[in-house]
Amino acid sequence: MNISIVFNSFYHGPVLNELFKKANCLKFEEFGWVDVNTGKPFVFQRGEDYDEMDELKQLLKNMNIDYPVDEEEKISTRKIDSKALSQHIEWCIKLAGLNNIEFSFIEDEWTRLLKQAHSIPKKQIETPQFPSRELWEKKKVK
């Protein structure tokens, strides 16, 4: 099943657009990608390795080894299924996090969750008190 236009727009909007704006360089150290010439982890610099968002999109598809391939080339984001695009989005979010980049939609979600947690009365979120072992044993004897 092909993905919806809305879902594809989410990938191209908040994910790719924000990553392009916030990342001056992307390091692939945690993924184990090593430059065979230097022995150091791959680092892609904006301005040297990618200048446009489309170049970044292609770079991300090529670096994600789990991204779907049709014959010998990576499939367009318009043609892959929702699950595959979701996995690629998660991979991009992980890559951003490993490069100390946090997406605004994630910051917004954390803010919402913290506000929601503060609105719950403490009485409802306290850890329940379990009976002591002695009390438990007394109940078993009866």
N, C-alpha and C. Protein backbone atom coordinates (compact mmCIF):
# COMPACT_ATOMS: atom_id res chain seq x y z
N MET A 1 0.84 -1.18 0.00
CA MET A 1 0.00 0.00 0.00
C MET A 1 0.88 1.25 0.00
N ASN A 2 0.63 2.16 -0.91
CA ASN A 2 1.38 3.40 -0.96
C ASN A 2 0.95 4.34 0.15
N ILE A 3 1.85 5.23 0.53
CA ILE A 3 1.55 6.13 1.62
C ILE A 3 0.65 7.27 1.17
N SER A 4 0.04 7.93 2.15
CA SER A 4 -0.83 9.06 1.83
C SER A 4 0.01 10.30 1.57
N ILE A 5 -0.57 11.24 0.88
CA ILE A 5 0.09 12.51 0.59
C ILE A 5 0.40 13.25 1.89
N VAL A 6 -0.51 13.19 2.85
CA VAL A 6 -0.32 13.87 4.13
C VAL A 6 0.89 13.31 4.87
N PHE A 7 1.01 11.99 4.89
CA PHE A 7 2.13 11.36 5.59
C PHE A 7 3.45 11.70 4.90
N ASN A 8 3.47 11.69 3.60
CA ASN A 8 4.66 12.06 2.84
C ASN A 8 5.01 13.53 3.10
N SER A 9 3.99 14.37 3.22
CA SER A 9 4.22 15.79 3.52
C SER A 9 4.85 15.96 4.89
N PHE A 10 4.44 15.13 5.86
CA PHE A 10 5.05 15.19 7.19
C PHE A 10 6.54 14.91 7.09
N TYR A 11 6.91 13.90 6.31
CA TYR A 11 8.33 13.56 6.16
C TYR A 11 9.09 14.72 5.52
N HIS A 12 8.53 15.29 4.45
CA HIS A 12 9.23 16.35 3.74
C HIS A 12 9.18 17.68 4.48
N GLY A 13 8.17 17.87 5.32
CA GLY A 13 8.03 19.13 6.06
C GLY A 13 8.83 19.13 7.34
N PRO A 14 8.18 18.72 8.44
CA PRO A 14 8.85 18.80 9.73
C PRO A 14 10.15 18.00 9.83
N VAL A 15 10.26 16.88 9.17
CA VAL A 15 11.46 16.06 9.33
C VAL A 15 12.61 16.57 8.46
N LEU A 16 12.48 16.47 7.16
CA LEU A 16 13.58 16.85 6.26
C LEU A 16 13.90 18.34 6.31
N ASN A 17 12.89 19.17 6.25
CA ASN A 17 13.09 20.61 6.23
C ASN A 17 13.81 21.07 7.48
N GLU A 18 13.37 20.59 8.64
CA GLU A 18 13.99 21.01 9.90
C GLU A 18 15.40 20.44 10.05
N LEU A 19 15.61 19.21 9.62
CA LEU A 19 16.95 18.63 9.67
C LEU A 19 17.90 19.42 8.78
N PHE A 20 17.43 19.80 7.62
CA PHE A 20 18.26 20.59 6.70
C PHE A 20 18.63 21.94 7.34
N LYS A 21 17.68 22.57 8.00
CA LYS A 21 17.93 23.88 8.61
C LYS A 21 18.85 23.79 9.83
N LYS A 22 18.72 22.73 10.62
CA LYS A 22 19.46 22.65 11.89
C LYS A 22 20.81 21.95 11.79
N ALA A 23 21.02 21.12 10.78
CA ALA A 23 22.26 20.33 10.71
C ALA A 23 23.28 20.99 9.80
N ASN A 24 24.36 21.47 10.40
CA ASN A 24 25.47 21.96 9.59
C ASN A 24 26.37 20.81 9.18
N CYS A 25 26.33 19.75 9.97
CA CYS A 25 27.03 18.52 9.61
C CYS A 25 26.31 17.35 10.26
N LEU A 26 26.41 16.20 9.65
CA LEU A 26 25.81 14.97 10.18
C LEU A 26 26.91 13.93 10.33
N LYS A 27 27.02 13.40 11.55
CA LYS A 27 28.03 12.38 11.84
C LYS A 27 27.32 11.04 11.92
N PHE A 28 27.93 10.03 11.35
CA PHE A 28 27.35 8.69 11.33
C PHE A 28 28.15 7.73 12.21
N GLU A 29 28.77 8.25 13.24
CA GLU A 29 29.62 7.46 14.13
C GLU A 29 28.88 6.31 14.80
N GLU A 30 27.69 6.59 15.33
CA GLU A 30 26.93 5.57 16.06
C GLU A 30 26.42 4.45 15.15
N PHE A 31 26.37 4.69 13.86
CA PHE A 31 25.89 3.68 12.92
C PHE A 31 27.03 2.78 12.42
N GLY A 32 28.26 3.14 12.79
CA GLY A 32 29.39 2.32 12.40
C GLY A 32 29.93 2.59 11.00
N TRP A 33 29.46 3.66 10.37
CA TRP A 33 29.95 3.99 9.04
C TRP A 33 31.31 4.65 9.17
N VAL A 34 32.34 4.08 8.52
CA VAL A 34 33.70 4.59 8.62
C VAL A 34 34.23 4.90 7.22
N ASP A 35 34.91 6.04 7.12
CA ASP A 35 35.56 6.43 5.88
C ASP A 35 36.82 5.59 5.74
N VAL A 36 36.90 4.78 4.69
CA VAL A 36 38.04 3.87 4.52
C VAL A 36 39.35 4.63 4.30
N ASN A 37 39.27 5.86 3.81
CA ASN A 37 40.50 6.64 3.58
C ASN A 37 41.08 7.20 4.88
N THR A 38 40.22 7.61 5.79
CA THR A 38 40.70 8.24 7.02
C THR A 38 40.58 7.34 8.24
N GLY A 39 39.72 6.33 8.18
CA GLY A 39 39.47 5.48 9.34
C GLY A 39 38.56 6.13 10.37
N LYS A 40 38.07 7.32 10.07
CA LYS A 40 37.20 8.05 10.98
C LYS A 40 35.75 7.90 10.52
N PRO A 41 34.83 8.14 11.44
CA PRO A 41 33.40 8.04 11.06
C PRO A 41 33.05 9.02 9.94
N PHE A 42 32.06 8.62 9.13
CA PHE A 42 31.58 9.51 8.08
C PHE A 42 31.00 10.78 8.69
N VAL A 43 31.36 11.90 8.11
CA VAL A 43 30.79 13.19 8.48
C VAL A 43 30.45 13.90 7.18
N PHE A 44 29.20 14.31 7.08
CA PHE A 44 28.75 15.05 5.90
C PHE A 44 28.50 16.49 6.29
N GLN A 45 29.14 17.40 5.57
CA GLN A 45 29.03 18.83 5.85
C GLN A 45 28.08 19.50 4.86
N ARG A 46 27.21 20.35 5.40
CA ARG A 46 26.37 21.14 4.49
C ARG A 46 27.28 22.14 3.80
N GLY A 47 27.11 22.29 2.52
CA GLY A 47 27.96 23.17 1.73
C GLY A 47 29.03 22.40 0.98
N GLU A 48 29.48 21.29 1.56
CA GLU A 48 30.47 20.45 0.88
C GLU A 48 29.82 19.20 0.30
N ASP A 49 29.04 18.51 1.13
CA ASP A 49 28.45 17.24 0.71
C ASP A 49 27.00 17.36 0.27
N TYR A 50 26.33 18.38 0.75
CA TYR A 50 24.95 18.64 0.30
C TYR A 50 24.66 20.13 0.45
N ASP A 51 24.03 20.68 -0.58
CA ASP A 51 23.69 22.11 -0.60
C ASP A 51 22.19 22.33 -0.58
N GLU A 52 21.45 21.34 -1.03
CA GLU A 52 19.99 21.48 -1.13
C GLU A 52 19.31 20.36 -0.36
N MET A 53 18.04 20.60 -0.04
CA MET A 53 17.29 19.61 0.72
C MET A 53 17.17 18.30 -0.05
N ASP A 54 17.04 18.36 -1.37
CA ASP A 54 16.92 17.12 -2.15
C ASP A 54 18.21 16.30 -2.06
N GLU A 55 19.36 16.97 -2.02
CA GLU A 55 20.63 16.25 -1.86
C GLU A 55 20.70 15.58 -0.48
N LEU A 56 20.21 16.29 0.54
CA LEU A 56 20.16 15.69 1.88
C LEU A 56 19.23 14.50 1.89
N LYS A 57 18.09 14.61 1.23
CA LYS A 57 17.12 13.50 1.17
C LYS A 57 17.77 12.27 0.54
N GLN A 58 18.48 12.44 -0.55
CA GLN A 58 19.15 11.32 -1.22
C GLN A 58 20.26 10.74 -0.34
N LEU A 59 20.99 11.60 0.35
CA LEU A 59 22.04 11.16 1.24
C LEU A 59 21.47 10.29 2.36
N LEU A 60 20.36 10.73 2.95
CA LEU A 60 19.73 9.98 4.04
C LEU A 60 19.22 8.62 3.55
N LYS A 61 18.62 8.61 2.37
CA LYS A 61 18.14 7.33 1.81
C LYS A 61 19.31 6.38 1.58
N ASN A 62 20.43 6.90 1.09
CA ASN A 62 21.59 6.05 0.80
C ASN A 62 22.29 5.57 2.06
N MET A 63 22.30 6.37 3.10
CA MET A 63 22.99 5.99 4.33
C MET A 63 22.15 5.04 5.20
N ASN A 64 20.85 5.05 5.02
CA ASN A 64 19.97 4.15 5.79
C ASN A 64 19.96 2.80 5.08
N ILE A 65 20.67 1.83 5.64
CA ILE A 65 20.79 0.53 4.97
C ILE A 65 19.48 -0.25 4.96
N ASP A 66 18.52 0.16 5.79
CA ASP A 66 17.22 -0.52 5.82
C ASP A 66 16.19 0.11 4.89
N TYR A 67 16.57 1.17 4.20
CA TYR A 67 15.63 1.83 3.29
C TYR A 67 15.35 0.91 2.10
N PRO A 68 14.08 0.78 1.71
CA PRO A 68 13.72 -0.16 0.64
C PRO A 68 14.40 0.14 -0.70
N VAL A 69 14.77 -0.93 -1.38
CA VAL A 69 15.43 -0.85 -2.69
C VAL A 69 14.59 -1.61 -3.70
N ASP A 70 14.45 -1.04 -4.90
CA ASP A 70 13.75 -1.70 -6.00
C ASP A 70 14.80 -1.96 -7.07
N GLU A 71 15.09 -3.22 -7.30
CA GLU A 71 16.17 -3.65 -8.17
C GLU A 71 17.48 -3.10 -7.61
N GLU A 72 18.03 -2.03 -8.18
CA GLU A 72 19.31 -1.53 -7.69
C GLU A 72 19.26 -0.11 -7.17
N GLU A 73 18.09 0.50 -7.08
CA GLU A 73 18.05 1.87 -6.58
C GLU A 73 17.00 2.02 -5.48
N LYS A 74 17.20 3.04 -4.66
CA LYS A 74 16.29 3.31 -3.56
C LYS A 74 14.96 3.77 -4.12
N ILE A 75 13.87 3.34 -3.48
CA ILE A 75 12.52 3.66 -3.93
C ILE A 75 12.17 5.08 -3.51
N SER A 76 11.40 5.76 -4.33
CA SER A 76 10.93 7.11 -4.02
C SER A 76 10.05 7.06 -2.77
N THR A 77 10.11 8.12 -1.97
CA THR A 77 9.25 8.18 -0.77
C THR A 77 7.78 8.21 -1.15
N ARG A 78 7.47 8.54 -2.38
CA ARG A 78 6.07 8.53 -2.83
C ARG A 78 5.58 7.13 -3.14
N LYS A 79 6.50 6.19 -3.30
CA LYS A 79 6.12 4.85 -3.72
C LYS A 79 6.30 3.78 -2.64
N ILE A 80 6.95 4.09 -1.53
CA ILE A 80 7.11 3.08 -0.48
C ILE A 80 5.87 3.06 0.40
N ASP A 81 5.74 2.01 1.18
CA ASP A 81 4.55 1.91 2.03
C ASP A 81 4.75 2.68 3.34
N SER A 82 3.66 2.83 4.07
CA SER A 82 3.66 3.63 5.29
C SER A 82 4.65 3.10 6.32
N LYS A 83 4.72 1.79 6.46
CA LYS A 83 5.62 1.19 7.45
C LYS A 83 7.07 1.52 7.13
N ALA A 84 7.45 1.39 5.87
CA ALA A 84 8.83 1.68 5.46
C ALA A 84 9.17 3.15 5.67
N LEU A 85 8.24 4.05 5.36
CA LEU A 85 8.50 5.46 5.56
C LEU A 85 8.55 5.79 7.05
N SER A 86 7.69 5.16 7.84
CA SER A 86 7.73 5.36 9.29
C SER A 86 9.09 4.95 9.86
N GLN A 87 9.60 3.82 9.39
CA GLN A 87 10.91 3.34 9.85
C GLN A 87 12.01 4.31 9.43
N HIS A 88 11.90 4.87 8.24
CA HIS A 88 12.91 5.82 7.76
C HIS A 88 12.82 7.12 8.58
N ILE A 89 11.62 7.56 8.89
CA ILE A 89 11.45 8.76 9.72
C ILE A 89 12.07 8.52 11.10
N GLU A 90 11.82 7.36 11.68
CA GLU A 90 12.41 7.02 12.98
C GLU A 90 13.94 7.02 12.89
N TRP A 91 14.47 6.49 11.81
CA TRP A 91 15.92 6.47 11.60
C TRP A 91 16.45 7.91 11.53
N CYS A 92 15.74 8.79 10.82
CA CYS A 92 16.15 10.19 10.71
C CYS A 92 16.11 10.89 12.07
N ILE A 93 15.07 10.59 12.86
CA ILE A 93 14.95 11.17 14.20
C ILE A 93 16.11 10.68 15.08
N LYS A 94 16.45 9.40 14.97
CA LYS A 94 17.58 8.85 15.73
C LYS A 94 18.88 9.52 15.29
N LEU A 95 19.09 9.65 14.00
CA LEU A 95 20.29 10.31 13.47
C LEU A 95 20.38 11.73 14.01
N ALA A 96 19.27 12.45 13.98
CA ALA A 96 19.26 13.82 14.49
C ALA A 96 19.62 13.84 15.97
N GLY A 97 19.02 12.96 16.75
CA GLY A 97 19.32 12.90 18.18
C GLY A 97 20.78 12.60 18.45
N LEU A 98 21.36 11.69 17.69
CA LEU A 98 22.78 11.36 17.86
C LEU A 98 23.68 12.52 17.46
N ASN A 99 23.13 13.48 16.72
CA ASN A 99 23.88 14.67 16.33
C ASN A 99 23.43 15.90 17.13
N ASN A 100 22.77 15.65 18.27
CA ASN A 100 22.30 16.72 19.16
C ASN A 100 21.33 17.69 18.50
N ILE A 101 20.49 17.16 17.64
CA ILE A 101 19.46 17.96 16.99
C ILE A 101 18.11 17.44 17.45
N GLU A 102 17.29 18.34 17.98
CA GLU A 102 15.95 17.92 18.40
C GLU A 102 14.92 18.65 17.54
N PHE A 103 14.02 17.88 16.97
CA PHE A 103 12.98 18.45 16.14
C PHE A 103 11.97 19.21 16.99
N SER A 104 11.44 20.28 16.44
CA SER A 104 10.47 21.08 17.20
C SER A 104 9.20 20.28 17.51
N PHE A 105 8.79 19.36 16.62
CA PHE A 105 7.58 18.59 16.91
C PHE A 105 7.81 17.64 18.08
N ILE A 106 9.04 17.22 18.32
CA ILE A 106 9.35 16.40 19.49
C ILE A 106 9.37 17.26 20.75
N GLU A 107 9.98 18.45 20.66
CA GLU A 107 9.97 19.38 21.78
C GLU A 107 8.53 19.72 22.17
N ASP A 108 7.69 19.97 21.17
CA ASP A 108 6.28 20.29 21.44
C ASP A 108 5.57 19.14 22.14
N GLU A 109 5.86 17.91 21.72
CA GLU A 109 5.22 16.75 22.34
C GLU A 109 5.67 16.59 23.79
N TRP A 110 6.95 16.80 24.06
CA TRP A 110 7.43 16.73 25.45
C TRP A 110 6.78 17.81 26.31
N THR A 111 6.65 19.00 25.77
CA THR A 111 5.99 20.09 26.49
C THR A 111 4.55 19.72 26.81
N ARG A 112 3.85 19.17 25.83
CA ARG A 112 2.46 18.76 26.04
C ARG A 112 2.36 17.68 27.12
N LEU A 113 3.24 16.69 27.06
CA LEU A 113 3.22 15.60 28.04
C LEU A 113 3.52 16.10 29.45
N LEU A 114 4.49 17.02 29.56
CA LEU A 114 4.81 17.56 30.88
C LEU A 114 3.66 18.39 31.44
N LYS A 115 3.02 19.18 30.59
CA LYS A 115 1.85 19.94 31.04
C LYS A 115 0.74 19.00 31.49
N GLN A 116 0.52 17.95 30.73
CA GLN A 116 -0.51 16.98 31.08
C GLN A 116 -0.17 16.29 32.40
N ALA A 117 1.09 15.96 32.61
CA ALA A 117 1.49 15.31 33.85
C ALA A 117 1.31 16.22 35.05
N HIS A 118 1.55 17.53 34.85
CA HIS A 118 1.39 18.48 35.95
C HIS A 118 -0.08 18.76 36.26
N SER A 119 -0.96 18.47 35.32
CA SER A 119 -2.39 18.73 35.55
C SER A 119 -3.07 17.58 36.30
N ILE A 120 -2.41 16.44 36.41
CA ILE A 120 -2.98 15.30 37.13
C ILE A 120 -2.70 15.50 38.62
N PRO A 121 -3.72 15.40 39.46
CA PRO A 121 -3.48 15.55 40.90
C PRO A 121 -2.47 14.52 41.39
N LYS A 122 -1.56 14.96 42.29
CA LYS A 122 -0.50 14.07 42.78
C LYS A 122 -1.07 12.81 43.40
N LYS A 123 -2.23 12.91 44.00
CA LYS A 123 -2.84 11.76 44.65
C LYS A 123 -3.05 10.61 43.65
N GLN A 124 -3.32 10.94 42.39
CA GLN A 124 -3.57 9.93 41.38
C GLN A 124 -2.30 9.30 40.83
N ILE A 125 -1.16 9.97 40.95
CA ILE A 125 0.07 9.44 40.35
C ILE A 125 1.07 8.92 41.38
N GLU A 126 0.73 8.96 42.64
CA GLU A 126 1.64 8.43 43.65
C GLU A 126 1.74 6.92 43.52
N THR A 127 2.87 6.40 43.95
CA THR A 127 3.08 4.95 43.92
C THR A 127 2.17 4.30 44.95
N PRO A 128 1.45 3.26 44.56
CA PRO A 128 0.57 2.61 45.52
C PRO A 128 1.37 1.96 46.65
N GLN A 129 0.78 1.94 47.84
CA GLN A 129 1.43 1.33 48.99
C GLN A 129 1.06 -0.15 49.05
N PHE A 130 2.04 -1.00 49.05
CA PHE A 130 1.79 -2.43 49.12
C PHE A 130 1.83 -2.86 50.58
N PRO A 131 1.04 -3.84 50.94
CA PRO A 131 1.06 -4.30 52.34
C PRO A 131 2.41 -4.91 52.69
N SER A 132 2.78 -4.78 53.95
CA SER A 132 4.04 -5.35 54.40
C SER A 132 3.95 -6.88 54.34
N ARG A 133 5.08 -7.54 54.38
CA ARG A 133 5.11 -9.00 54.33
C ARG A 133 4.37 -9.60 55.52
N GLU A 134 4.51 -8.97 56.71
CA GLU A 134 3.83 -9.47 57.91
C GLU A 134 2.32 -9.44 57.72
N LEU A 135 1.80 -8.32 57.22
CA LEU A 135 0.37 -8.20 56.99
C LEU A 135 -0.09 -9.22 55.96
N TRP A 136 0.72 -9.42 54.93
CA TRP A 136 0.40 -10.38 53.87
C TRP A 136 0.30 -11.80 54.45
N GLU A 137 1.27 -12.15 55.32
CA GLU A 137 1.27 -13.47 55.95
C GLU A 137 0.06 -13.67 56.85
N LYS A 138 -0.32 -12.63 57.58
CA LYS A 138 -1.50 -12.72 58.47
C LYS A 138 -2.74 -12.99 57.64
N LYS A 139 -2.87 -12.35 56.48
CA LYS A 139 -4.04 -12.55 55.64
C LYS A 139 -4.06 -13.97 55.07
N LYS A 140 -2.90 -14.52 54.76
CA LYS A 140 -2.83 -15.89 54.22
C LYS A 140 -3.25 -16.92 55.24
N VAL A 141 -2.94 -16.68 56.54
CA VAL A 141 -3.25 -17.63 57.60
C VAL A 141 -4.76 -17.71 57.82
N LYS A 142 -5.45 -16.66 57.75
CA LYS A 142 -6.89 -16.63 58.01
C LYS A 142 -7.66 -17.45 57.06
